[in-house]
Protein backbone atom coordinates (compact mmCIF):
# COMPACT_ATOMS: atom_id res chain seq x y z
CA MET A 1 0.00 0.00 0.00
CA LEU A 2 2.91 2.35 0.55
CA VAL A 3 3.44 2.77 -3.19
CA SER A 4 -0.17 3.76 -3.82
CA VAL A 5 -0.75 5.93 -0.72
CA ILE A 6 2.36 8.11 -0.45
CA PRO A 7 2.08 9.65 -3.95
CA GLU A 8 -1.45 10.80 -3.16
CA ARG A 9 -0.23 12.53 -0.02
CA ALA A 10 2.56 14.22 -1.93
CA VAL A 11 0.28 15.50 -4.68
CA GLU A 12 -2.51 16.39 -2.24
CA SER A 13 -0.08 18.71 -0.43
CA TYR A 14 0.50 20.66 -3.64
CA ALA A 15 -3.21 20.54 -4.42
CA ARG A 16 -4.10 22.14 -1.10
CA ARG A 17 -1.52 24.85 -1.61
CA GLY A 18 -2.87 25.51 -5.10
CA VAL A 19 -6.41 25.95 -3.79
CA GLN A 20 -5.16 28.29 -1.06
CA TYR A 21 -3.38 30.44 -3.66
CA ARG A 22 -6.42 30.46 -5.95
CA GLU A 23 -8.74 31.53 -3.13
CA GLY A 24 -6.33 34.17 -1.86
CA ARG A 25 -5.71 32.41 1.46
CA ARG A 26 -2.02 31.96 0.71
CA LYS A 27 0.40 34.48 -0.76
CA PRO A 28 3.50 33.71 -2.88
CA PRO A 29 6.74 33.84 -0.87
CA GLU A 30 8.27 37.28 -1.02
CA LYS A 31 11.70 38.09 -2.40
CA ASN A 32 11.65 35.16 -4.85
CA ASP A 33 11.34 32.38 -2.26
CA LYS A 34 14.28 33.51 -0.15
CA GLU A 35 14.90 32.26 3.35
CA GLU A 36 16.95 34.80 5.24
CA LYS A 37 20.42 33.48 5.94
CA VAL A 38 22.92 36.29 6.00
CA LEU A 39 26.50 35.78 4.85
CA SER A 40 29.22 36.18 7.45
CA ASP A 41 31.06 39.51 7.61
CA LEU A 42 34.14 37.83 6.14
CA ALA A 43 32.20 36.43 3.19
CA VAL A 44 30.50 39.76 2.54
CA GLU A 45 33.86 41.51 2.48
CA ARG A 46 35.27 38.95 0.04
CA VAL A 47 32.19 39.14 -2.20
CA GLN A 48 32.39 42.92 -2.12
CA THR A 49 36.07 42.92 -3.09
CA TYR A 50 35.51 40.46 -5.93
CA LEU A 51 32.46 42.18 -7.40
CA SER A 52 34.08 45.61 -7.25
CA LYS A 53 36.71 44.29 -9.67
CA ALA A 54 34.27 42.30 -11.83
CA LEU A 55 32.00 45.33 -12.27
CA ALA A 56 34.82 47.89 -12.36
CA ALA A 57 33.23 49.74 -9.46
CA ALA A 58 35.88 50.73 -6.92
CA ASP A 59 33.42 51.94 -4.28
CA LEU A 60 31.00 48.99 -4.63
CA ARG A 61 29.40 47.90 -1.38
CA VAL A 62 27.09 45.02 -0.51
CA LEU A 63 23.74 46.27 0.80
CA SER A 64 22.25 42.88 1.63
CA ALA A 65 22.88 39.18 1.08
CA SER A 66 20.52 36.30 1.73
CA GLN A 67 20.20 32.71 0.60
CA PHE A 68 17.38 31.35 -1.54
CA ALA A 69 15.59 28.34 -0.09
CA GLY A 70 15.70 25.02 -1.88
CA GLY A 71 18.04 23.91 -4.61
CA ILE A 72 19.70 20.52 -4.95
CA SER A 73 22.88 21.29 -6.84
CA ARG A 74 24.16 24.73 -5.80
CA ASP A 75 23.82 27.27 -3.02
CA THR A 76 22.05 30.32 -4.42
CA TRP A 77 22.37 33.78 -2.89
CA GLY A 78 20.70 37.07 -3.66
CA VAL A 79 23.09 40.00 -3.27
CA ASP A 80 22.13 43.67 -3.60
CA VAL A 81 25.01 46.02 -4.35
CA ALA A 82 25.50 49.75 -4.92
CA TRP A 83 28.23 51.96 -6.32
CA THR A 84 28.82 55.31 -7.96
CA GLY A 85 28.45 55.29 -11.73
CA GLU A 86 30.77 56.95 -14.23
CA ASP A 87 28.34 59.88 -14.40
CA GLY A 88 28.58 60.36 -10.65
CA LEU A 89 25.07 59.08 -10.01
CA PRO A 90 24.34 56.23 -7.59
CA VAL A 91 23.78 52.76 -9.08
CA GLU A 92 21.98 49.91 -7.36
CA ARG A 93 21.85 46.40 -8.76
CA GLY A 94 20.53 43.01 -7.71
CA LEU A 95 22.72 39.99 -8.40
CA VAL A 96 22.41 36.25 -7.91
CA LEU A 97 25.42 34.11 -6.96
CA ARG A 98 25.39 30.36 -7.60
CA LEU A 99 28.01 28.66 -5.42
CA ASP A 100 29.32 25.10 -5.61
CA PRO A 101 28.29 23.44 -2.32
CA PRO A 102 30.47 20.99 -0.36
CA ILE A 103 27.87 18.26 -1.00
CA SER A 104 25.20 18.21 -3.71
CA LEU A 105 22.27 15.95 -4.51
CA ILE A 106 23.44 15.87 -8.12
CA LYS A 107 26.84 16.34 -9.67
CA SER A 108 26.78 19.04 -12.32
CA ARG A 109 29.32 21.20 -14.05
CA ARG A 110 29.07 24.89 -13.32
CA ASN A 111 30.97 25.80 -16.50
CA VAL A 112 28.32 24.01 -18.58
CA GLU A 113 25.49 25.81 -16.79
CA TYR A 114 27.21 29.16 -17.29
CA ALA A 115 27.84 28.44 -20.99
CA MET A 116 24.20 27.45 -21.55
CA TYR A 117 23.02 30.72 -20.04
CA GLN A 118 25.37 32.64 -22.30
CA VAL A 119 24.31 30.82 -25.46
CA CYS A 120 20.60 31.12 -24.72
CA ARG A 121 20.97 34.81 -24.01
CA ASP A 122 21.17 35.26 -27.79
CA VAL A 123 18.23 32.97 -28.61
CA PRO A 124 15.09 34.94 -29.59
CA GLY A 125 12.18 34.19 -27.32
CA VAL A 126 14.25 32.63 -24.53
CA PRO A 127 14.57 34.99 -21.54
CA VAL A 128 17.57 34.29 -19.31
CA PRO A 129 19.55 36.48 -16.90
CA LEU A 130 22.66 38.34 -18.00
CA MET A 131 25.82 36.57 -16.86
CA ILE A 132 28.36 38.66 -14.92
CA CYS A 133 31.31 36.37 -14.15
CA ASN A 134 32.34 32.75 -13.61
CA GLU A 135 35.02 31.97 -11.02
CA ASP A 136 36.76 28.61 -10.52
CA ASP A 137 39.04 29.67 -7.66
CA PRO A 138 37.46 28.72 -4.30
CA GLU A 139 39.74 31.14 -2.47
CA GLN A 140 38.06 34.21 -3.94
CA ILE A 141 34.83 34.11 -1.89
CA GLY A 142 35.01 30.67 -0.28
CA ALA A 143 33.68 28.49 -3.12
CA PRO A 144 33.68 28.45 -6.94
CA PHE A 145 30.68 30.38 -8.26
CA PHE A 146 29.13 32.38 -11.02
CA ALA A 147 27.18 35.61 -10.79
CA MET A 148 24.25 36.85 -12.85
CA GLU A 149 21.69 39.61 -12.78
CA LYS A 150 18.66 39.25 -10.53
CA LEU A 151 15.33 39.26 -12.34
CA LYS A 152 11.88 40.04 -11.00
CA GLY A 153 9.26 37.40 -10.42
CA VAL A 154 8.30 34.35 -8.40
CA THR A 155 9.07 30.70 -9.01
CA SER A 156 6.67 28.99 -6.61
CA PRO A 157 4.51 26.62 -8.73
CA PRO A 158 1.21 26.96 -6.82
CA ALA A 159 1.48 30.75 -6.94
CA ILE A 160 0.26 30.72 -10.53
CA LEU A 161 -3.14 29.61 -9.23
CA GLY A 162 -3.39 32.68 -6.99
CA PRO A 163 -5.63 35.71 -7.62
CA GLU A 164 -2.70 37.81 -8.83
CA PHE A 165 -2.31 35.55 -11.87
CA GLU A 166 -5.97 34.92 -12.65
CA ALA A 167 -5.91 36.96 -15.86
CA SER A 168 -2.49 35.80 -17.06
CA ARG A 169 -1.99 32.21 -15.92
CA GLN A 170 -3.13 30.62 -19.19
CA ALA A 171 -0.88 32.93 -21.20
CA ILE A 172 2.05 32.11 -18.91
CA MET A 173 1.57 28.37 -19.43
CA LYS A 174 1.36 28.89 -23.18
CA GLN A 175 4.54 30.96 -23.04
CA MET A 176 6.24 28.25 -20.98
CA PHE A 177 5.94 25.70 -23.77
CA GLU A 178 6.61 28.20 -26.54
CA ILE A 179 9.91 29.06 -24.85
CA LEU A 180 10.73 25.37 -24.55
CA GLY A 181 10.11 25.04 -28.28
CA ALA A 182 12.40 28.00 -28.93
CA ILE A 183 15.15 26.27 -26.93
CA ALA A 184 14.73 23.16 -29.09
CA ALA A 185 14.94 25.27 -32.26
CA ALA A 186 18.04 27.19 -31.13
CA ARG A 187 21.22 26.75 -33.18
CA HIS A 188 24.03 25.93 -30.78
CA GLU A 189 26.73 25.08 -33.29
CA GLY A 190 29.73 27.39 -33.20
CA LYS A 191 28.66 29.00 -29.92
CA GLY A 192 31.41 27.53 -27.77
CA LEU A 193 29.39 24.71 -26.23
CA ALA A 194 31.66 22.13 -27.84
CA ASP A 195 34.38 23.31 -25.44
CA VAL A 196 32.41 22.33 -22.35
CA VAL A 197 29.90 19.64 -23.33
CA SER A 198 30.00 16.60 -25.62
CA THR A 199 27.83 16.30 -28.71
CA PRO A 200 26.35 12.80 -28.95
CA ALA A 201 25.43 11.10 -32.19
CA PRO A 202 21.63 11.23 -32.61
CA GLY A 203 21.30 7.46 -32.46
CA ASP A 204 23.30 7.25 -29.23
CA ILE A 205 21.35 9.82 -27.22
CA TRP A 206 18.81 7.53 -25.58
CA ASP A 207 21.45 5.05 -24.44
CA THR A 208 23.81 7.79 -23.26
CA GLU A 209 21.13 9.36 -21.07
CA LEU A 210 19.62 6.13 -19.77
CA SER A 211 23.04 4.69 -18.95
CA HIS A 212 24.01 7.89 -17.15
CA TRP A 213 21.05 7.81 -14.77
CA GLU A 214 21.17 4.04 -14.42
CA ARG A 215 24.77 4.40 -13.27
CA ILE A 216 23.78 7.05 -10.71
CA ILE A 217 21.18 4.67 -9.27
CA ALA A 218 23.81 1.92 -9.04
CA ASP A 219 26.41 4.21 -7.49
CA ASN A 220 23.93 5.31 -4.81
CA HIS A 221 22.62 1.89 -3.92
CA ILE A 222 19.89 1.98 -1.26
CA GLY A 223 18.48 -1.51 -1.71
CA HIS A 224 16.53 -3.44 -4.30
CA GLN A 225 14.42 -1.32 -6.66
CA PRO A 226 12.60 -3.92 -8.80
CA ILE A 227 10.08 -1.48 -10.30
CA THR A 228 12.79 0.88 -11.50
CA ARG A 229 14.85 -2.02 -12.85
CA ALA A 230 11.79 -3.25 -14.76
CA ALA A 231 11.27 0.22 -16.24
CA ILE A 232 14.90 0.34 -17.37
CA ARG A 233 14.52 -3.06 -19.07
CA TYR A 234 11.34 -1.79 -20.71
CA LEU A 235 13.18 1.24 -22.09
CA ARG A 236 16.08 -0.83 -23.40
CA ARG A 237 13.74 -3.21 -25.22
CA SER A 238 12.15 -0.43 -27.27
CA PRO A 239 14.48 2.55 -27.81
CA PRO A 240 13.10 5.68 -29.45
CA PRO A 241 14.09 6.82 -32.94
CA PRO A 242 16.92 9.37 -33.11
CA PRO A 243 15.88 13.02 -33.12
CA PRO A 244 16.10 14.99 -36.38
CA ARG A 245 18.81 17.14 -34.80
CA VAL A 246 20.85 17.24 -31.61
CA THR A 247 19.54 20.20 -29.62
CA ILE A 248 20.05 22.06 -26.37
CA VAL A 249 18.25 20.23 -23.57
CA HIS A 250 17.58 22.21 -20.39
CA GLY A 251 17.33 19.03 -18.35
CA ASP A 252 14.97 20.34 -15.65
CA TYR A 253 12.47 22.48 -17.55
CA ARG A 254 9.29 22.75 -15.50
CA ILE A 255 7.08 25.15 -13.65
CA GLY A 256 9.15 26.11 -10.62
CA ASN A 257 12.31 26.72 -12.63
CA PHE A 258 11.38 30.01 -14.22
CA LEU A 259 10.55 33.45 -12.89
CA PHE A 260 7.15 34.86 -13.74
CA THR A 261 5.09 37.96 -13.06
CA PRO A 262 1.54 38.81 -14.17
CA GLU A 263 3.16 40.15 -17.35
CA GLY A 264 4.72 36.80 -18.24
CA ILE A 265 7.90 34.76 -17.87
CA ASN A 266 10.99 36.84 -17.09
CA GLY A 267 13.73 34.25 -16.96
CA ILE A 268 14.44 30.54 -17.39
CA LEU A 269 16.59 29.35 -14.48
CA ASP A 270 18.42 26.26 -13.18
CA TRP A 271 20.38 25.02 -16.16
CA GLU A 272 22.62 22.72 -14.09
CA LEU A 273 21.39 19.57 -15.88
CA ALA A 274 21.64 21.11 -19.36
CA HIS A 275 23.26 19.10 -22.14
CA LEU A 276 22.93 18.36 -25.83
CA GLY A 277 20.43 15.68 -26.74
CA ASP A 278 16.87 14.91 -27.81
CA PRO A 279 14.38 17.80 -27.41
CA LEU A 280 11.64 15.32 -26.48
CA GLU A 281 13.48 14.71 -23.21
CA ASP A 282 12.67 18.28 -22.16
CA LEU A 283 9.09 18.07 -23.40
CA ALA A 284 8.43 14.84 -21.50
CA TRP A 285 9.98 16.30 -18.34
CA ALA A 286 7.87 19.46 -18.56
CA LEU A 287 4.73 17.33 -18.92
CA ALA A 288 5.62 14.92 -16.08
CA LYS A 289 3.05 14.04 -13.45
CA ASN A 290 5.36 15.57 -10.84
CA TRP A 291 4.25 19.04 -11.95
CA ARG A 292 0.52 18.32 -12.03
CA TYR A 293 -1.31 19.53 -8.96
CA GLY A 294 -4.39 21.47 -7.95
CA HIS A 295 -7.95 20.46 -8.75
CA ASP A 296 -7.24 18.89 -12.17
CA ARG A 297 -4.29 16.53 -12.28
CA SER A 298 -4.83 15.70 -15.94
CA ARG A 299 -3.40 19.15 -16.73
CA VAL A 300 -0.02 20.75 -16.16
CA ALA A 301 -0.48 22.90 -13.04
CA SER A 302 -4.24 22.26 -13.43
CA LEU A 303 -4.20 24.70 -16.35
CA ILE A 304 -3.41 23.20 -19.75
CA THR A 305 -3.71 19.71 -21.17
CA PRO A 306 -0.66 17.84 -22.44
CA GLU A 307 -2.03 18.09 -25.96
CA GLN A 308 -2.30 21.88 -25.69
CA ALA A 309 1.24 22.05 -24.34
CA ILE A 310 2.56 19.90 -27.20
CA GLU A 311 0.79 22.13 -29.72
CA TYR A 312 2.44 25.24 -28.24
CA TRP A 313 5.84 23.49 -28.26
CA GLU A 314 5.45 22.41 -31.87
CA SER A 315 4.53 25.94 -32.95
CA THR A 316 7.97 27.30 -32.02
CA SER A 317 10.25 24.25 -32.17
CA GLY A 318 9.55 23.40 -35.79
CA TYR A 319 9.18 19.70 -34.83
CA LYS A 320 6.27 17.32 -34.62
CA ALA A 321 6.27 15.37 -31.39
CA ASP A 322 6.45 11.66 -32.14
CA ARG A 323 3.99 10.27 -29.57
CA ALA A 324 5.70 6.88 -29.29
CA ALA A 325 9.08 8.54 -28.74
CA LEU A 326 7.52 10.97 -26.27
CA HIS A 327 6.12 8.03 -24.33
CA TRP A 328 9.62 6.51 -24.14
CA TRP A 329 11.00 9.76 -22.76
CA THR A 330 8.09 9.95 -20.30
CA VAL A 331 9.05 6.58 -18.80
CA PHE A 332 12.67 7.75 -18.86
CA THR A 333 11.62 10.84 -16.87
CA HIS A 334 10.51 8.63 -14.00
CA VAL A 335 13.80 6.70 -14.04
CA LYS A 336 15.71 9.97 -13.99
CA CYS A 337 13.62 11.24 -11.08
CA VAL A 338 14.22 8.02 -9.15
CA ALA A 339 17.95 8.52 -9.70
CA LEU A 340 17.69 12.00 -8.17
CA TRP A 341 15.63 10.77 -5.21
CA THR A 342 18.00 7.83 -4.75
CA THR A 343 21.00 10.13 -4.36
CA GLY A 344 19.14 12.07 -1.65
CA ALA A 345 18.17 8.89 0.19
CA HIS A 346 21.73 7.63 -0.09
CA GLU A 347 23.09 10.88 1.37
CA PHE A 348 20.74 10.47 4.32
CA MET A 349 21.72 6.84 4.87
CA ALA A 350 25.41 7.81 4.68
CA GLY A 351 24.91 10.46 7.37
CA THR A 352 26.23 13.38 5.32
CA PRO A 353 25.64 16.91 6.64
CA ARG A 354 22.91 17.64 4.12
CA GLY A 355 21.40 14.18 4.12
CA ALA A 356 18.53 15.03 6.45
CA MET A 357 17.43 17.90 4.18
CA HIS A 358 17.06 15.52 1.23
CA ALA A 359 15.65 12.52 3.12
CA PHE A 360 11.95 13.37 3.22
CA PRO A 361 11.38 14.41 -0.42
CA SER A 362 13.60 11.58 -1.62
CA TRP A 363 11.74 8.76 0.11
CA LEU A 364 8.35 10.37 -0.45
CA PHE A 365 8.58 11.02 -4.16
CA MET A 366 10.51 7.87 -5.01
CA ASN A 367 7.37 5.87 -4.29
CA ALA A 368 5.34 8.25 -6.43
CA GLN A 369 7.72 7.85 -9.35
CA GLU A 370 7.54 4.07 -9.19
CA LEU A 371 3.75 4.13 -9.17
CA TRP A 372 3.78 6.39 -12.23
CA MET A 373 6.32 4.10 -13.91
CA ILE A 374 4.08 1.07 -13.71
CA GLU A 375 1.13 3.14 -14.87
CA GLU A 376 3.08 4.34 -17.92
CA ILE A 377 4.32 0.88 -18.94
CA GLY A 378 0.79 -0.49 -18.55
CA ALA A 379 1.46 -2.83 -15.66
CA ILE A 380 -1.56 -1.44 -13.76
CA GLU A 381 -4.56 0.62 -14.74
CA GLN A 382 -4.23 4.36 -14.21
C-alpha cells in the first residue's frame, strides 16, 4: 500500500496549496522564495572585493545578502550592491550568486550551466539572466561560483493559481511551452558549447542518457528497486528513434524553474542539468506528473492539457512530437527522477551533513515515481 498511498499525499499537499493560492488564502513567498540566511562579515567583504573588480566599481558595497531556499545542486544567494556610476550618479543592482556546495544531490558542471546561459541569451524568445562572471578559484569568496543579474518574479509553482495571476496564468503556461520550443529550435553550433559539453550522435542519445542515470542509481545503492529495474529493461527493449537534430536540452524544464510575473515569464533558471540531446526529453519532463497539482491533475499545473502544451511546443520548435518517442521519454523521466531521489536517500543513509534535508522528499517522491512508472508501462490501470 505504501506505493499507492504516499504519492497521493505528496500530490494532495500541492493541491491544497494551489487551492489556497487560488482563493487568496495563501500568498507567494516574497523576495523570490528567499529564506533569510545572512552571509558572514568575512564572506560579505570577500564578495564585495571580488564584485568591485568584476563590475569595475571601486566603491562597490554590498547592501544585503541572503540565501534562496531550496536547490539541490548549488547554493544560491541574492546580493544587492550599490556603487557610484561613471556619471557620478548612484547605481543599485541586484545579483544572484550560484556557489558550488560541499555536497550536492546531483553532480553538475558549473561551467556548462554558465555556458548554456550565455548561449541562450542570444536565442530569440528565450529569456535568461545576463551573466556577470564565472570563477573557478574557491579562495576568492570561499567556493567556486558564477554571478548573474537578478530578475523580477516568483518561481513557486502553486502561486500561478493565486488571484494575482488569474488573468495571465493561461498565457504564462502557453509561453512556458513556446519558450521550450524555442530552446529546441536554437542553433548551438559554433557557440562555444563544444568546449564544455559533448555532442552525442543522434542514435546514441537515448542510451547515453539512460546509462548515465542508471549508473547514478547503481552508485547510490539503497536496496533493491525492482520497479525501477523493470522500467529500465522496458526502455532498453524499445528505444526511441533518433531526433532529427541534436539540440540544447535544459534538463529540468518545468514550472518552478522560471521566474514569472503577471506580465509573463521573465527568466528561465536552473540550467545545471543542461546538455545536448533529444528535445523530447525536455518536453516529457515538462509534462511529467510531478508538476501536475491542484484540482485537475490531468493538466499541467491544473491549467493546460498535455495536448495543448505539445501544440504550443510544436509551434515554435519546428518539430512534430512523435507520440511513441515521447512516451519513451516519459518513462525515462521517472527513471531519472528516481535517480535523483536515490541520491538524496543515499546521502541520508550515509549520514552526510545535508542528508537530512534531502531525506523526506527523496523517500516520499521515489514511491510516487515508481507508481507512475508502472502506470506508464501499462502494468496497472491508471
